[in-house]
Amino acid sequence: MNLDTSDYDDWILAGDFNLYRYPDNRNKVGGDLSEMNMFNELISGLDLIDIPFSCRSYTWSNMQSDPLMIKLDWVFTSSS
């Protein structure tokens, strides 16, 4: 994908990326460290800043009796 933007444009990127940044974004052990690294490298390579959620550790649950809960929703900005 090519985005034709100026270096002076500020933008916000938000969504449910089905990835998480760190193992502690998940309440149970597991996940693909390689995918987490790729996700973090993309964020770093684009110089994005993570806008933190408040009052919430996780944004998704499988709603089971012993639920898996993960932070999947992210909001990033290109300016500080």
Protein backbone atom coordinates (compact mmCIF):
# COMPACT_ATOMS: atom_id res chain seq x y z
CA MET A 1 0.00 0.00 0.00
CA ASN A 2 1.29 3.46 -0.88
CA LEU A 3 0.14 6.52 1.00
CA ASP A 4 0.84 9.78 -0.77
CA THR A 5 1.23 12.14 2.15
CA SER A 6 3.42 15.06 2.98
CA ASP A 7 6.02 14.82 5.72
CA TYR A 8 4.13 17.68 7.33
CA ASP A 9 0.78 15.87 7.55
CA ASP A 10 -0.37 14.74 11.00
CA TRP A 11 -2.64 11.74 11.14
CA ILE A 12 -4.31 9.25 13.47
CA LEU A 13 -4.53 5.53 12.85
CA ALA A 14 -7.04 3.57 14.94
CA GLY A 15 -8.42 0.09 14.72
CA ASP A 16 -8.72 -3.50 15.78
CA PHE A 17 -5.45 -4.86 14.46
CA ASN A 18 -5.81 -8.44 15.82
CA LEU A 19 -2.26 -8.06 17.13
CA TYR A 20 -0.90 -6.91 20.40
CA ARG A 21 2.32 -5.16 21.21
CA TYR A 22 3.56 -6.94 24.32
CA PRO A 23 2.88 -10.25 26.10
CA ASP A 24 1.30 -8.37 29.03
CA ASN A 25 -1.45 -7.12 26.65
CA ARG A 26 -2.92 -10.58 27.15
CA ASN A 27 -4.18 -12.13 30.39
CA LYS A 28 -2.88 -15.64 29.51
CA VAL A 29 0.43 -16.94 28.25
CA GLY A 30 0.65 -17.31 24.47
CA GLY A 31 0.89 -15.42 21.26
CA ASP A 32 3.32 -15.07 18.41
CA LEU A 33 6.40 -13.05 19.39
CA SER A 34 7.41 -12.75 15.73
CA GLU A 35 4.10 -11.03 14.87
CA MET A 36 4.42 -8.76 17.91
CA ASN A 37 7.91 -7.77 16.77
CA MET A 38 6.69 -7.02 13.23
CA PHE A 39 3.83 -4.91 14.61
CA ASN A 40 6.20 -2.96 16.86
CA GLU A 41 8.74 -2.49 14.04
CA LEU A 42 5.99 -1.04 11.83
CA ILE A 43 4.92 1.37 14.58
CA SER A 44 8.52 2.39 15.18
CA GLY A 45 9.35 2.67 11.47
CA LEU A 46 6.44 5.06 10.94
CA ASP A 47 7.36 7.06 14.06
CA LEU A 48 3.90 6.49 15.51
CA ILE A 49 2.98 7.33 19.08
CA ASP A 50 0.60 5.04 20.97
CA ILE A 51 -2.30 6.95 22.54
CA PRO A 52 -3.04 4.93 25.67
CA PHE A 53 -6.50 3.79 26.73
CA SER A 54 -7.49 4.73 30.25
CA CYS A 55 -9.36 2.49 32.70
CA ARG A 56 -9.04 -0.58 30.48
CA SER A 57 -6.33 -3.22 30.21
CA TYR A 58 -8.02 -5.33 27.52
CA THR A 59 -10.37 -4.51 24.64
CA TRP A 60 -11.48 -8.01 23.57
CA SER A 61 -12.66 -11.17 25.35
CA ASN A 62 -13.73 -14.59 24.09
CA MET A 63 -16.47 -14.47 26.78
CA GLN A 64 -15.74 -17.99 28.10
CA SER A 65 -16.02 -18.99 31.76
CA ASP A 66 -12.20 -18.70 31.97
CA PRO A 67 -11.87 -15.87 29.44
CA LEU A 68 -8.99 -15.00 27.21
CA MET A 69 -8.70 -11.22 27.23
CA ILE A 70 -6.43 -9.22 24.92
CA LYS A 71 -5.83 -5.58 24.03
CA LEU A 72 -6.46 -5.57 20.26
CA ASP A 73 -7.66 -2.01 19.69
CA TRP A 74 -5.00 0.61 19.18
CA VAL A 75 -4.87 4.33 18.45
CA PHE A 76 -1.67 5.86 17.10
CA THR A 77 -0.76 9.36 16.02
CA SER A 78 2.04 10.72 13.90
CA SER A 79 2.55 13.82 16.06
CA SER A 80 3.46 14.32 19.67
